[in-house]
Amino acid sequence: MSQQENLRELFALIEANPNLPIIPLVDSEIVADCNLQRWCGSWGSASVKEFLPGSERIFFRDDEDWDEIEAAINDVGPKATVDFPWDDELLAAYQALPWRKAIVVNVNLPEL
């Protein structure tokens, strides 16, 4: 998709979901040094996703990624869930976490 198409998609999501926060996800290749500067990027795809702030990162809901499920449960969920088997009980605990919705926008390497 072109940057203009990505922006149209983003604006449509904002119009359809005016009360949702917007979370930009910046590609790690954009920030190549640790100087106090601004970095150039381009607008990528956007979608509505569920997220959950953790103690050191933000989790984005993915009911099929067992590593992410375990990480979110161990960070945000009830601490007793460490011994859950990899089954419906763990998935139910993951789904019951206090997920919130946001418009997530990818910020990619610039298309100059």
Protein backbone atom coordinates (compact mmCIF):
# COMPACT_ATOMS: atom_id res chain seq x y z
CA MET A 1 0.00 0.00 0.00
CA SER A 2 1.13 3.54 -0.63
CA GLN A 3 1.53 6.03 2.20
CA GLN A 4 -1.57 7.90 0.96
CA GLU A 5 -3.61 4.67 1.09
CA ASN A 6 -2.29 3.96 4.58
CA LEU A 7 -3.33 7.46 5.69
CA ARG A 8 -6.80 7.04 4.21
CA GLU A 9 -7.10 3.76 6.13
CA LEU A 10 -5.95 5.47 9.33
CA PHE A 11 -8.37 8.40 8.93
CA ALA A 12 -11.26 5.99 8.31
CA LEU A 13 -10.39 4.10 11.50
CA ILE A 14 -10.20 7.36 13.46
CA GLU A 15 -13.57 8.46 12.09
CA ALA A 16 -15.16 5.09 12.92
CA ASN A 17 -13.54 4.93 16.39
CA PRO A 18 -13.16 8.54 17.60
CA ASN A 19 -12.79 7.60 21.27
CA LEU A 20 -9.98 5.09 20.87
CA PRO A 21 -6.40 6.08 21.65
CA ILE A 22 -3.86 5.91 18.79
CA ILE A 23 -0.67 3.94 19.39
CA PRO A 24 2.19 4.39 16.88
CA LEU A 25 4.50 1.36 16.58
CA VAL A 26 7.86 2.60 15.31
CA ASP A 27 10.05 0.17 13.37
CA SER A 28 13.31 -0.37 15.28
CA GLU A 29 15.35 0.36 12.13
CA ILE A 30 14.17 3.98 12.20
CA VAL A 31 15.96 4.78 15.47
CA ALA A 32 19.53 3.86 14.58
CA ASP A 33 21.38 5.87 17.24
CA CYS A 34 20.92 7.35 20.68
CA ASN A 35 21.35 11.07 19.89
CA LEU A 36 18.61 13.41 21.01
CA GLN A 37 17.07 13.95 17.57
CA ARG A 38 13.92 13.27 15.61
CA TRP A 39 13.80 10.42 13.13
CA CYS A 40 12.02 10.21 9.78
CA GLY A 41 9.47 7.47 9.11
CA SER A 42 6.53 6.76 6.82
CA TRP A 43 2.95 5.87 7.63
CA GLY A 44 2.31 2.14 7.50
CA SER A 45 -0.82 0.08 7.95
CA ALA A 46 -3.30 0.77 10.75
CA SER A 47 -5.84 -1.44 12.51
CA VAL A 48 -7.88 -1.64 15.68
CA LYS A 49 -6.24 -4.02 18.17
CA GLU A 50 -6.56 -4.93 21.80
CA PHE A 51 -3.61 -4.03 24.02
CA LEU A 52 -2.56 -4.32 27.62
CA PRO A 53 0.13 -2.24 29.34
CA GLY A 54 2.58 -4.49 31.17
CA SER A 55 5.30 -3.63 33.65
CA GLU A 56 7.98 -3.17 30.96
CA ARG A 57 6.16 -3.39 27.62
CA ILE A 58 2.79 -3.26 25.92
CA PHE A 59 1.16 -6.55 24.96
CA PHE A 60 -1.02 -6.85 21.85
CA ARG A 61 -3.61 -9.60 22.04
CA ASP A 62 -2.82 -12.72 20.03
CA ASP A 63 -4.79 -15.77 21.17
CA GLU A 64 -2.54 -18.11 19.14
CA ASP A 65 0.97 -17.10 20.26
CA TRP A 66 1.63 -19.21 23.37
CA ASP A 67 4.89 -17.38 24.18
CA GLU A 68 3.01 -14.05 24.24
CA ILE A 69 0.17 -15.60 26.23
CA GLU A 70 2.62 -16.86 28.86
CA ALA A 71 4.50 -13.54 28.95
CA ALA A 72 1.29 -11.51 29.42
CA ILE A 73 -0.05 -13.86 32.11
CA ASN A 74 3.25 -13.77 34.01
CA ASP A 75 3.53 -9.97 33.74
CA VAL A 76 -0.05 -8.77 34.17
CA GLY A 77 -2.18 -11.75 35.19
CA PRO A 78 -2.61 -13.56 38.47
CA LYS A 79 0.85 -14.79 39.51
CA ALA A 80 -0.47 -18.25 40.38
CA THR A 81 -0.96 -19.02 36.68
CA VAL A 82 2.68 -20.03 36.13
CA ASP A 83 1.80 -23.73 36.50
CA PHE A 84 -1.17 -23.65 34.11
CA PRO A 85 -1.01 -26.32 31.41
CA TRP A 86 -1.06 -25.15 27.81
CA ASP A 87 -4.79 -25.55 27.43
CA ASP A 88 -8.13 -23.79 27.61
CA GLU A 89 -7.58 -22.76 31.25
CA LEU A 90 -4.52 -20.68 30.37
CA LEU A 91 -6.22 -19.18 27.30
CA ALA A 92 -9.29 -18.26 29.38
CA ALA A 93 -7.07 -16.50 31.96
CA TYR A 94 -5.32 -14.64 29.14
CA GLN A 95 -8.60 -13.58 27.53
CA ALA A 96 -9.91 -12.38 30.91
CA LEU A 97 -7.05 -9.87 31.33
CA PRO A 98 -8.19 -6.22 31.19
CA TRP A 99 -7.64 -5.70 27.44
CA ARG A 100 -8.27 -2.24 25.97
CA LYS A 101 -8.78 -1.25 22.34
CA ALA A 102 -6.68 1.20 20.35
CA ILE A 103 -5.93 2.18 16.79
CA VAL A 104 -2.43 0.82 16.15
CA VAL A 105 -0.40 2.54 13.40
CA ASN A 106 2.83 1.11 12.04
CA VAL A 107 5.56 3.68 11.40
CA ASN A 108 7.96 2.20 8.86
CA LEU A 109 11.24 3.17 7.24
CA PRO A 110 10.75 6.32 5.15
CA GLU A 111 9.67 6.07 1.54
CA LEU A 112 11.66 9.05 0.27
